[in-house]
Structure formats: C-alpha cells, structure tokens
C-alpha cells in the first residue's frame, strides 16, 4: 500500500509541475513520468483487488 500512495503522490506532483512549467521539454518529461506512474499504479491496483 505504501507504494500505491507514493505513486499517487508522484503522479499528482508531476502533473501539477507539467502544467506550471514553461520549458516544453521538461513538461513533456514530467508528463511521461506521470504516465509511467499511472501505468504502474493501475498494475498494482489490480493486484491489490
């Protein structure tokens, strides 16, 4: 469960930063990281269910 909470927090932070940052390359990297977190979160949520 700790990993799920960690991923949710990182996902929210990355998305928030990606919206606020002006550098396009950094924003894209943050969005990619958020997508990776979302994928892992979905996998872990299925296992926990």
Protein backbone atom coordinates (compact mmCIF):
# COMPACT_ATOMS: atom_id res chain seq x y z
CA UNK A 1 0.00 0.00 0.00
CA UNK A 2 2.87 2.39 0.64
CA UNK A 3 3.96 2.10 -2.99
CA UNK A 4 0.46 2.96 -4.20
CA UNK A 5 0.35 6.09 -2.02
CA UNK A 6 3.83 7.06 -3.23
CA UNK A 7 2.82 6.66 -6.88
CA UNK A 8 -0.36 8.70 -6.39
CA UNK A 9 1.67 11.49 -4.80
CA UNK A 10 4.33 11.47 -7.53
CA UNK A 11 1.68 11.37 -10.25
CA UNK A 12 -0.11 14.40 -8.82
CA UNK A 13 3.14 16.33 -8.39
CA UNK A 14 4.37 15.59 -11.90
CA UNK A 15 1.08 16.63 -13.48
CA UNK A 16 0.94 19.82 -11.41
CA UNK A 17 4.51 20.76 -12.34
CA UNK A 18 3.98 19.92 -16.02
CA UNK A 19 1.11 22.41 -16.14
CA UNK A 20 3.03 25.15 -14.36
CA UNK A 21 6.43 24.89 -16.05
CA UNK A 22 7.29 26.91 -19.14
CA UNK A 23 10.05 24.70 -20.55
CA UNK A 24 8.36 22.39 -23.07
CA UNK A 25 10.96 19.61 -22.87
CA UNK A 26 10.75 19.44 -19.08
CA UNK A 27 6.95 19.49 -19.22
CA UNK A 28 6.98 16.57 -21.66
CA UNK A 29 9.34 14.60 -19.42
CA UNK A 30 7.11 15.24 -16.42
CA UNK A 31 4.06 14.11 -18.39
CA UNK A 32 5.92 10.94 -19.44
CA UNK A 33 6.85 10.27 -15.82
CA UNK A 34 3.23 10.79 -14.77
CA UNK A 35 2.15 8.28 -17.43
CA UNK A 36 4.66 5.73 -16.11
CA UNK A 37 3.38 6.25 -12.57
CA UNK A 38 -0.21 5.87 -13.77
CA UNK A 39 0.62 2.59 -15.53
CA UNK A 40 2.38 1.15 -12.50
CA UNK A 41 -0.44 2.33 -10.26
CA UNK A 42 -3.01 0.52 -12.43
CA UNK A 43 -0.96 -2.69 -12.28
CA UNK A 44 -0.58 -2.52 -8.51
CA UNK A 45 -4.26 -1.67 -8.02
CA UNK A 46 -5.30 -4.74 -9.98
CA UNK A 47 -3.04 -6.93 -7.84
CA UNK A 48 -4.44 -5.48 -4.62
CA UNK A 49 -8.07 -6.02 -5.72
